[in-house]
Amino acid sequence: LDSKCGYVSKIGKEVISVKYDWIG
């Protein structure tokens, strides 16, 4: 989102904040 990366769970919870420029 807006050039930032993160991870979400199947229930819609943001698990890894969508704040990183890159994430593996």
mmCIF file of all heavy atoms, coordinates in Angstrom:
data_MODEL
# 
_entry.id   MODEL 
# 
loop_
_atom_site.group_PDB 
_atom_site.id 
_atom_site.type_symbol 
_atom_site.label_atom_id 
_atom_site.label_alt_id 
_atom_site.label_comp_id 
_atom_site.label_asym_id 
_atom_site.label_entity_id 
_atom_site.label_seq_id 
_atom_site.pdbx_PDB_ins_code 
_atom_site.Cartn_x 
_atom_site.Cartn_y 
_atom_site.Cartn_z 
_atom_site.occupancy 
_atom_site.B_iso_or_equiv 
_atom_site.pdbx_formal_charge 
_atom_site.auth_seq_id 
_atom_site.auth_comp_id 
_atom_site.auth_asym_id 
_atom_site.auth_atom_id 
_atom_site.pdbx_PDB_model_num 
ATOM 1   N N   . LEU A 1 1  ? 0.855  -1.180  0.000  1.00 0.00 ? 1  LEU A N   1 
ATOM 2   C CA  . LEU A 1 1  ? 0.000  0.000   0.000  1.00 0.00 ? 1  LEU A CA  1 
ATOM 3   C C   . LEU A 1 1  ? 0.894  1.233   0.000  1.00 0.00 ? 1  LEU A C   1 
ATOM 4   O O   . LEU A 1 1  ? 1.752  1.381   0.883  1.00 0.00 ? 1  LEU A O   1 
ATOM 5   C CB  . LEU A 1 1  ? -0.913 0.008   1.236  1.00 0.00 ? 1  LEU A CB  1 
ATOM 6   C CG  . LEU A 1 1  ? -1.823 1.214   1.414  1.00 0.00 ? 1  LEU A CG  1 
ATOM 7   C CD1 . LEU A 1 1  ? -2.811 1.314   0.254  1.00 0.00 ? 1  LEU A CD1 1 
ATOM 8   C CD2 . LEU A 1 1  ? -2.563 1.108   2.735  1.00 0.00 ? 1  LEU A CD2 1 
ATOM 9   N N   . ASP A 1 2  ? 0.719  2.086   -0.993 1.00 0.00 ? 2  ASP A N   1 
ATOM 10  C CA  . ASP A 1 2  ? 1.527  3.307   -1.096 1.00 0.00 ? 2  ASP A CA  1 
ATOM 11  C C   . ASP A 1 2  ? 3.015  3.019   -1.005 1.00 0.00 ? 2  ASP A C   1 
ATOM 12  O O   . ASP A 1 2  ? 3.751  3.636   -0.232 1.00 0.00 ? 2  ASP A O   1 
ATOM 13  C CB  . ASP A 1 2  ? 1.120  4.323   -0.026 1.00 0.00 ? 2  ASP A CB  1 
ATOM 14  C CG  . ASP A 1 2  ? -0.323 4.751   -0.145 1.00 0.00 ? 2  ASP A CG  1 
ATOM 15  O OD1 . ASP A 1 2  ? -0.828 4.806   -1.288 1.00 0.00 ? 2  ASP A OD1 1 
ATOM 16  O OD2 . ASP A 1 2  ? -0.945 5.017   0.904  1.00 0.00 ? 2  ASP A OD2 1 
ATOM 17  N N   . SER A 1 3  ? 3.486  2.023   -1.744 1.00 0.00 ? 3  SER A N   1 
ATOM 18  C CA  . SER A 1 3  ? 4.899  1.621   -1.818 1.00 0.00 ? 3  SER A CA  1 
ATOM 19  C C   . SER A 1 3  ? 5.440  1.041   -0.516 1.00 0.00 ? 3  SER A C   1 
ATOM 20  O O   . SER A 1 3  ? 6.646  0.966   -0.323 1.00 0.00 ? 3  SER A O   1 
ATOM 21  C CB  . SER A 1 3  ? 5.780  2.788   -2.259 1.00 0.00 ? 3  SER A CB  1 
ATOM 22  O OG  . SER A 1 3  ? 5.372  3.241   -3.528 1.00 0.00 ? 3  SER A OG  1 
ATOM 23  N N   . LYS A 1 4  ? 4.594  0.672   0.400  1.00 0.00 ? 4  LYS A N   1 
ATOM 24  C CA  . LYS A 1 4  ? 5.015  0.051   1.657  1.00 0.00 ? 4  LYS A CA  1 
ATOM 25  C C   . LYS A 1 4  ? 4.481  -1.384  1.709  1.00 0.00 ? 4  LYS A C   1 
ATOM 26  O O   . LYS A 1 4  ? 3.441  -1.688  1.125  1.00 0.00 ? 4  LYS A O   1 
ATOM 27  C CB  . LYS A 1 4  ? 4.511  0.838   2.872  1.00 0.00 ? 4  LYS A CB  1 
ATOM 28  C CG  . LYS A 1 4  ? 5.050  2.261   2.938  1.00 0.00 ? 4  LYS A CG  1 
ATOM 29  C CD  . LYS A 1 4  ? 6.555  2.267   3.130  1.00 0.00 ? 4  LYS A CD  1 
ATOM 30  C CE  . LYS A 1 4  ? 7.096  3.684   3.194  1.00 0.00 ? 4  LYS A CE  1 
ATOM 31  N NZ  . LYS A 1 4  ? 8.521  3.711   3.424  1.00 0.00 ? 4  LYS A NZ  1 
ATOM 32  N N   . CYS A 1 5  ? 5.193  -2.256  2.419  1.00 0.00 ? 5  CYS A N   1 
ATOM 33  C CA  . CYS A 1 5  ? 4.847  -3.673  2.479  1.00 0.00 ? 5  CYS A CA  1 
ATOM 34  C C   . CYS A 1 5  ? 4.598  -4.128  3.907  1.00 0.00 ? 5  CYS A C   1 
ATOM 35  O O   . CYS A 1 5  ? 5.152  -3.575  4.854  1.00 0.00 ? 5  CYS A O   1 
ATOM 36  C CB  . CYS A 1 5  ? 5.990  -4.516  1.931  1.00 0.00 ? 5  CYS A CB  1 
ATOM 37  S SG  . CYS A 1 5  ? 6.500  -4.100  0.272  1.00 0.00 ? 5  CYS A SG  1 
ATOM 38  N N   . GLY A 1 6  ? 3.813  -5.181  4.031  1.00 0.00 ? 6  GLY A N   1 
ATOM 39  C CA  . GLY A 1 6  ? 3.536  -5.816  5.306  1.00 0.00 ? 6  GLY A CA  1 
ATOM 40  C C   . GLY A 1 6  ? 2.822  -7.131  5.076  1.00 0.00 ? 6  GLY A C   1 
ATOM 41  O O   . GLY A 1 6  ? 2.754  -7.614  3.941  1.00 0.00 ? 6  GLY A O   1 
ATOM 42  N N   . TYR A 1 7  ? 2.273  -7.713  6.130  1.00 0.00 ? 7  TYR A N   1 
ATOM 43  C CA  . TYR A 1 7  ? 1.530  -8.968  6.034  1.00 0.00 ? 7  TYR A CA  1 
ATOM 44  C C   . TYR A 1 7  ? 0.225  -8.847  6.811  1.00 0.00 ? 7  TYR A C   1 
ATOM 45  O O   . TYR A 1 7  ? 0.168  -8.190  7.857  1.00 0.00 ? 7  TYR A O   1 
ATOM 46  C CB  . TYR A 1 7  ? 2.333  -10.128 6.634  1.00 0.00 ? 7  TYR A CB  1 
ATOM 47  C CG  . TYR A 1 7  ? 3.336  -10.748 5.689  1.00 0.00 ? 7  TYR A CG  1 
ATOM 48  C CD1 . TYR A 1 7  ? 4.643  -10.279 5.616  1.00 0.00 ? 7  TYR A CD1 1 
ATOM 49  C CD2 . TYR A 1 7  ? 2.977  -11.819 4.882  1.00 0.00 ? 7  TYR A CD2 1 
ATOM 50  C CE1 . TYR A 1 7  ? 5.571  -10.859 4.765  1.00 0.00 ? 7  TYR A CE1 1 
ATOM 51  C CE2 . TYR A 1 7  ? 3.898  -12.411 4.027  1.00 0.00 ? 7  TYR A CE2 1 
ATOM 52  C CZ  . TYR A 1 7  ? 5.186  -11.928 3.970  1.00 0.00 ? 7  TYR A CZ  1 
ATOM 53  O OH  . TYR A 1 7  ? 6.104  -12.506 3.121  1.00 0.00 ? 7  TYR A OH  1 
ATOM 54  N N   . VAL A 1 8  ? -0.825 -9.498  6.278  1.00 0.00 ? 8  VAL A N   1 
ATOM 55  C CA  . VAL A 1 8  ? -2.115 -9.576  6.954  1.00 0.00 ? 8  VAL A CA  1 
ATOM 56  C C   . VAL A 1 8  ? -2.502 -11.038 7.137  1.00 0.00 ? 8  VAL A C   1 
ATOM 57  O O   . VAL A 1 8  ? -2.024 -11.911 6.411  1.00 0.00 ? 8  VAL A O   1 
ATOM 58  C CB  . VAL A 1 8  ? -3.241 -8.845  6.175  1.00 0.00 ? 8  VAL A CB  1 
ATOM 59  C CG1 . VAL A 1 8  ? -2.988 -7.358  6.122  1.00 0.00 ? 8  VAL A CG1 1 
ATOM 60  C CG2 . VAL A 1 8  ? -3.412 -9.424  4.786  1.00 0.00 ? 8  VAL A CG2 1 
ATOM 61  N N   . SER A 1 9  ? -3.367 -11.290 8.120  1.00 0.00 ? 9  SER A N   1 
ATOM 62  C CA  . SER A 1 9  ? -3.862 -12.641 8.365  1.00 0.00 ? 9  SER A CA  1 
ATOM 63  C C   . SER A 1 9  ? -5.186 -12.847 7.642  1.00 0.00 ? 9  SER A C   1 
ATOM 64  O O   . SER A 1 9  ? -5.787 -11.892 7.148  1.00 0.00 ? 9  SER A O   1 
ATOM 65  C CB  . SER A 1 9  ? -4.052 -12.871 9.867  1.00 0.00 ? 9  SER A CB  1 
ATOM 66  O OG  . SER A 1 9  ? -5.159 -12.124 10.325 1.00 0.00 ? 9  SER A OG  1 
ATOM 67  N N   . LYS A 1 10 ? -5.661 -14.085 7.628  1.00 0.00 ? 10 LYS A N   1 
ATOM 68  C CA  . LYS A 1 10 ? -6.920 -14.424 6.956  1.00 0.00 ? 10 LYS A CA  1 
ATOM 69  C C   . LYS A 1 10 ? -8.139 -13.798 7.626  1.00 0.00 ? 10 LYS A C   1 
ATOM 70  O O   . LYS A 1 10 ? -9.212 -13.766 7.047  1.00 0.00 ? 10 LYS A O   1 
ATOM 71  C CB  . LYS A 1 10 ? -7.106 -15.937 6.898  1.00 0.00 ? 10 LYS A CB  1 
ATOM 72  C CG  . LYS A 1 10 ? -6.265 -16.601 5.853  1.00 0.00 ? 10 LYS A CG  1 
ATOM 73  C CD  . LYS A 1 10 ? -6.605 -18.074 5.745  1.00 0.00 ? 10 LYS A CD  1 
ATOM 74  C CE  . LYS A 1 10 ? -5.846 -18.710 4.609  1.00 0.00 ? 10 LYS A CE  1 
ATOM 75  N NZ  . LYS A 1 10 ? -6.179 -20.125 4.458  1.00 0.00 ? 10 LYS A NZ  1 
ATOM 76  N N   . ILE A 1 11 ? -7.973 -13.303 8.841  1.00 0.00 ? 11 ILE A N   1 
ATOM 77  C CA  . ILE A 1 11 ? -9.102 -12.656 9.509  1.00 0.00 ? 11 ILE A CA  1 
ATOM 78  C C   . ILE A 1 11 ? -9.040 -11.127 9.370  1.00 0.00 ? 11 ILE A C   1 
ATOM 79  O O   . ILE A 1 11 ? -9.809 -10.410 9.977  1.00 0.00 ? 11 ILE A O   1 
ATOM 80  C CB  . ILE A 1 11 ? -9.200 -13.061 11.001 1.00 0.00 ? 11 ILE A CB  1 
ATOM 81  C CG1 . ILE A 1 11 ? -7.931 -12.681 11.758 1.00 0.00 ? 11 ILE A CG1 1 
ATOM 82  C CG2 . ILE A 1 11 ? -9.506 -14.547 11.137 1.00 0.00 ? 11 ILE A CG2 1 
ATOM 83  C CD1 . ILE A 1 11 ? -8.050 -12.825 13.264 1.00 0.00 ? 11 ILE A CD1 1 
ATOM 84  N N   . GLY A 1 12 ? -8.073 -10.666 8.558  1.00 0.00 ? 12 GLY A N   1 
ATOM 85  C CA  . GLY A 1 12 ? -7.987 -9.239  8.273  1.00 0.00 ? 12 GLY A CA  1 
ATOM 86  C C   . GLY A 1 12 ? -7.103 -8.452  9.204  1.00 0.00 ? 12 GLY A C   1 
ATOM 87  O O   . GLY A 1 12 ? -7.007 -7.236  9.089  1.00 0.00 ? 12 GLY A O   1 
ATOM 88  N N   . LYS A 1 13 ? -6.425 -9.128  10.120 1.00 0.00 ? 13 LYS A N   1 
ATOM 89  C CA  . LYS A 1 13 ? -5.547 -8.439  11.062 1.00 0.00 ? 13 LYS A CA  1 
ATOM 90  C C   . LYS A 1 13 ? -4.193 -8.146  10.410 1.00 0.00 ? 13 LYS A C   1 
ATOM 91  O O   . LYS A 1 13 ? -3.599 -9.015  9.789  1.00 0.00 ? 13 LYS A O   1 
ATOM 92  C CB  . LYS A 1 13 ? -5.348 -9.310  12.302 1.00 0.00 ? 13 LYS A CB  1 
ATOM 93  C CG  . LYS A 1 13 ? -4.450 -8.680  13.342 1.00 0.00 ? 13 LYS A CG  1 
ATOM 94  C CD  . LYS A 1 13 ? -4.248 -9.590  14.528 1.00 0.00 ? 13 LYS A CD  1 
ATOM 95  C CE  . LYS A 1 13 ? -3.287 -8.930  15.490 1.00 0.00 ? 13 LYS A CE  1 
ATOM 96  N NZ  . LYS A 1 13 ? -2.642 -9.887  16.359 1.00 0.00 ? 13 LYS A NZ  1 
ATOM 97  N N   . GLU A 1 14 ? -3.738 -6.909  10.565 1.00 0.00 ? 14 GLU A N   1 
ATOM 98  C CA  . GLU A 1 14 ? -2.403 -6.543  10.086 1.00 0.00 ? 14 GLU A CA  1 
ATOM 99  C C   . GLU A 1 14 ? -1.396 -7.139  11.061 1.00 0.00 ? 14 GLU A C   1 
ATOM 100 O O   . GLU A 1 14 ? -1.273 -6.691  12.195 1.00 0.00 ? 14 GLU A O   1 
ATOM 101 C CB  . GLU A 1 14 ? -2.266 -5.023  10.021 1.00 0.00 ? 14 GLU A CB  1 
ATOM 102 C CG  . GLU A 1 14 ? -0.997 -4.557  9.373  1.00 0.00 ? 14 GLU A CG  1 
ATOM 103 C CD  . GLU A 1 14 ? -0.924 -3.046  9.271  1.00 0.00 ? 14 GLU A CD  1 
ATOM 104 O OE1 . GLU A 1 14 ? -1.433 -2.487  8.290  1.00 0.00 ? 14 GLU A OE1 1 
ATOM 105 O OE2 . GLU A 1 14 ? -0.364 -2.429  10.202 1.00 0.00 ? 14 GLU A OE2 1 
ATOM 106 N N   . VAL A 1 15 ? -0.676 -8.167  10.622 1.00 0.00 ? 15 VAL A N   1 
ATOM 107 C CA  . VAL A 1 15 ? 0.263  -8.875  11.489 1.00 0.00 ? 15 VAL A CA  1 
ATOM 108 C C   . VAL A 1 15 ? 1.629  -8.203  11.466 1.00 0.00 ? 15 VAL A C   1 
ATOM 109 O O   . VAL A 1 15 ? 2.243  -7.997  12.508 1.00 0.00 ? 15 VAL A O   1 
ATOM 110 C CB  . VAL A 1 15 ? 0.378  -10.354 11.063 1.00 0.00 ? 15 VAL A CB  1 
ATOM 111 C CG1 . VAL A 1 15 ? 1.375  -11.101 11.927 1.00 0.00 ? 15 VAL A CG1 1 
ATOM 112 C CG2 . VAL A 1 15 ? -0.983 -11.035 11.120 1.00 0.00 ? 15 VAL A CG2 1 
ATOM 113 N N   . ILE A 1 16 ? 2.094  -7.876  10.275 1.00 0.00 ? 16 ILE A N   1 
ATOM 114 C CA  . ILE A 1 16 ? 3.337  -7.124  10.106 1.00 0.00 ? 16 ILE A CA  1 
ATOM 115 C C   . ILE A 1 16 ? 2.922  -5.760  9.566  1.00 0.00 ? 16 ILE A C   1 
ATOM 116 O O   . ILE A 1 16 ? 2.318  -5.671  8.493  1.00 0.00 ? 16 ILE A O   1 
ATOM 117 C CB  . ILE A 1 16 ? 4.294  -7.804  9.097  1.00 0.00 ? 16 ILE A CB  1 
ATOM 118 C CG1 . ILE A 1 16 ? 4.500  -9.288  9.425  1.00 0.00 ? 16 ILE A CG1 1 
ATOM 119 C CG2 . ILE A 1 16 ? 5.612  -7.044  9.026  1.00 0.00 ? 16 ILE A CG2 1 
ATOM 120 C CD1 . ILE A 1 16 ? 5.195  -9.572  10.716 1.00 0.00 ? 16 ILE A CD1 1 
ATOM 121 N N   . SER A 1 17 ? 3.232  -4.718  10.280 1.00 0.00 ? 17 SER A N   1 
ATOM 122 C CA  . SER A 1 17 ? 2.830  -3.362  9.885  1.00 0.00 ? 17 SER A CA  1 
ATOM 123 C C   . SER A 1 17 ? 3.192  -3.069  8.436  1.00 0.00 ? 17 SER A C   1 
ATOM 124 O O   . SER A 1 17 ? 4.301  -3.387  7.994  1.00 0.00 ? 17 SER A O   1 
ATOM 125 C CB  . SER A 1 17 ? 3.505  -2.323  10.773 1.00 0.00 ? 17 SER A CB  1 
ATOM 126 O OG  . SER A 1 17 ? 3.044  -2.426  12.079 1.00 0.00 ? 17 SER A OG  1 
ATOM 127 N N   . VAL A 1 18 ? 2.279  -2.451  7.728  1.00 0.00 ? 18 VAL A N   1 
ATOM 128 C CA  . VAL A 1 18 ? 2.512  -2.070  6.335  1.00 0.00 ? 18 VAL A CA  1 
ATOM 129 C C   . VAL A 1 18 ? 3.295  -0.753  6.357  1.00 0.00 ? 18 VAL A C   1 
ATOM 130 O O   . VAL A 1 18 ? 2.751  0.322   6.141  1.00 0.00 ? 18 VAL A O   1 
ATOM 131 C CB  . VAL A 1 18 ? 1.174  -1.952  5.565  1.00 0.00 ? 18 VAL A CB  1 
ATOM 132 C CG1 . VAL A 1 18 ? 1.431  -1.609  4.101  1.00 0.00 ? 18 VAL A CG1 1 
ATOM 133 C CG2 . VAL A 1 18 ? 0.383  -3.241  5.681  1.00 0.00 ? 18 VAL A CG2 1 
ATOM 134 N N   . LYS A 1 19 ? 4.591  -0.900  6.663  1.00 0.00 ? 19 LYS A N   1 
ATOM 135 C CA  . LYS A 1 19 ? 5.450  0.279   6.788  1.00 0.00 ? 19 LYS A CA  1 
ATOM 136 C C   . LYS A 1 19 ? 6.817  0.086   6.157  1.00 0.00 ? 19 LYS A C   1 
ATOM 137 O O   . LYS A 1 19 ? 7.584  1.029   6.052  1.00 0.00 ? 19 LYS A O   1 
ATOM 138 C CB  . LYS A 1 19 ? 5.632  0.641   8.266  1.00 0.00 ? 19 LYS A CB  1 
ATOM 139 C CG  . LYS A 1 19 ? 6.443  -0.371  9.058  1.00 0.00 ? 19 LYS A CG  1 
ATOM 140 C CD  . LYS A 1 19 ? 6.646  0.087   10.500 1.00 0.00 ? 19 LYS A CD  1 
ATOM 141 C CE  . LYS A 1 19 ? 7.605  -0.830  11.245 1.00 0.00 ? 19 LYS A CE  1 
ATOM 142 N NZ  . LYS A 1 19 ? 7.833  -0.354  12.605 1.00 0.00 ? 19 LYS A NZ  1 
ATOM 143 N N   . TYR A 1 20 ? 7.118  -1.131  5.725  1.00 0.00 ? 20 TYR A N   1 
ATOM 144 C CA  . TYR A 1 20 ? 8.455  -1.435  5.217  1.00 0.00 ? 20 TYR A CA  1 
ATOM 145 C C   . TYR A 1 20 ? 8.565  -1.144  3.727  1.00 0.00 ? 20 TYR A C   1 
ATOM 146 O O   . TYR A 1 20 ? 7.614  -1.328  2.976  1.00 0.00 ? 20 TYR A O   1 
ATOM 147 C CB  . TYR A 1 20 ? 8.808  -2.895  5.502  1.00 0.00 ? 20 TYR A CB  1 
ATOM 148 C CG  . TYR A 1 20 ? 8.874  -3.174  6.988  1.00 0.00 ? 20 TYR A CG  1 
ATOM 149 C CD1 . TYR A 1 20 ? 7.825  -3.788  7.649  1.00 0.00 ? 20 TYR A CD1 1 
ATOM 150 C CD2 . TYR A 1 20 ? 9.980  -2.773  7.729  1.00 0.00 ? 20 TYR A CD2 1 
ATOM 151 C CE1 . TYR A 1 20 ? 7.875  -4.018  9.020  1.00 0.00 ? 20 TYR A CE1 1 
ATOM 152 C CE2 . TYR A 1 20 ? 10.037 -2.999  9.093  1.00 0.00 ? 20 TYR A CE2 1 
ATOM 153 C CZ  . TYR A 1 20 ? 8.986  -3.612  9.731  1.00 0.00 ? 20 TYR A CZ  1 
ATOM 154 O OH  . TYR A 1 20 ? 9.036  -3.823  11.081 1.00 0.00 ? 20 TYR A OH  1 
ATOM 155 N N   . ASP A 1 21 ? 9.748  -0.695  3.297  1.00 0.00 ? 21 ASP A N   1 
ATOM 156 C CA  . ASP A 1 21 ? 10.003 -0.444  1.885  1.00 0.00 ? 21 ASP A CA  1 
ATOM 157 C C   . ASP A 1 21 ? 10.080 -1.762  1.107  1.00 0.00 ? 21 ASP A C   1 
ATOM 158 O O   . ASP A 1 21 ? 9.779  -1.809  -0.083 1.00 0.00 ? 21 ASP A O   1 
ATOM 159 C CB  . ASP A 1 21 ? 11.314 0.327   1.697  1.00 0.00 ? 21 ASP A CB  1 
ATOM 160 C CG  . ASP A 1 21 ? 11.276 1.670   2.396  1.00 0.00 ? 21 ASP A CG  1 
ATOM 161 O OD1 . ASP A 1 21 ? 10.198 2.293   2.449  1.00 0.00 ? 21 ASP A OD1 1 
ATOM 162 O OD2 . ASP A 1 21 ? 12.330 2.106   2.909  1.00 0.00 ? 21 ASP A OD2 1 
ATOM 163 N N   . TRP A 1 22 ? 10.509 -2.815  1.782  1.00 0.00 ? 22 TRP A N   1 
ATOM 164 C CA  . TRP A 1 22 ? 10.630 -4.141  1.184  1.00 0.00 ? 22 TRP A CA  1 
ATOM 165 C C   . TRP A 1 22 ? 10.512 -5.159  2.310  1.00 0.00 ? 22 TRP A C   1 
ATOM 166 O O   . TRP A 1 22 ? 10.940 -4.897  3.446  1.00 0.00 ? 22 TRP A O   1 
ATOM 167 C CB  . TRP A 1 22 ? 11.981 -4.281  0.480  1.00 0.00 ? 22 TRP A CB  1 
ATOM 168 C CG  . TRP A 1 22 ? 12.214 -5.628  -0.103 1.00 0.00 ? 22 TRP A CG  1 
ATOM 169 C CD1 . TRP A 1 22 ? 11.827 -6.066  -1.328 1.00 0.00 ? 22 TRP A CD1 1 
ATOM 170 C CD2 . TRP A 1 22 ? 12.881 -6.723  0.522  1.00 0.00 ? 22 TRP A CD2 1 
ATOM 171 N NE1 . TRP A 1 22 ? 12.203 -7.373  -1.497 1.00 0.00 ? 22 TRP A NE1 1 
ATOM 172 C CE2 . TRP A 1 22 ? 12.856 -7.792  -0.366 1.00 0.00 ? 22 TRP A CE2 1 
ATOM 173 C CE3 . TRP A 1 22 ? 13.485 -6.900  1.769  1.00 0.00 ? 22 TRP A CE3 1 
ATOM 174 C CZ2 . TRP A 1 22 ? 13.420 -9.025  -0.072 1.00 0.00 ? 22 TRP A CZ2 1 
ATOM 175 C CZ3 . TRP A 1 22 ? 14.039 -8.132  2.069  1.00 0.00 ? 22 TRP A CZ3 1 
ATOM 176 C CH2 . TRP A 1 22 ? 14.013 -9.180  1.149  1.00 0.00 ? 22 TRP A CH2 1 
ATOM 177 N N   . ILE A 1 23 ? 9.931  -6.306  2.002  1.00 0.00 ? 23 ILE A N   1 
ATOM 178 C CA  . ILE A 1 23 ? 9.853  -7.385  2.971  1.00 0.00 ? 23 ILE A CA  1 
ATOM 179 C C   . ILE A 1 23 ? 9.962  -8.700  2.220  1.00 0.00 ? 23 ILE A C   1 
ATOM 180 O O   . ILE A 1 23 ? 9.396  -8.861  1.134  1.00 0.00 ? 23 ILE A O   1 
ATOM 181 C CB  . ILE A 1 23 ? 8.556  -7.309  3.815  1.00 0.00 ? 23 ILE A CB  1 
ATOM 182 C CG1 . ILE A 1 23 ? 8.578  -8.291  4.974  1.00 0.00 ? 23 ILE A CG1 1 
ATOM 183 C CG2 . ILE A 1 23 ? 7.344  -7.511  2.955  1.00 0.00 ? 23 ILE A CG2 1 
ATOM 184 C CD1 . ILE A 1 23 ? 7.496  -8.044  6.019  1.00 0.00 ? 23 ILE A CD1 1 
ATOM 185 N N   . GLY A 1 24 ? 10.732 -9.631  2.777  1.00 0.00 ? 24 GLY A N   1 
ATOM 186 C CA  . GLY A 1 24 ? 10.901 -10.928 2.149  1.00 0.00 ? 24 GLY A CA  1 
ATOM 187 C C   . GLY A 1 24 ? 9.867  -11.923 2.637  1.00 0.00 ? 24 GLY A C   1 
ATOM 188 O O   . GLY A 1 24 ? 9.012  -11.611 3.459  1.00 0.00 ? 24 GLY A O   1 
# 
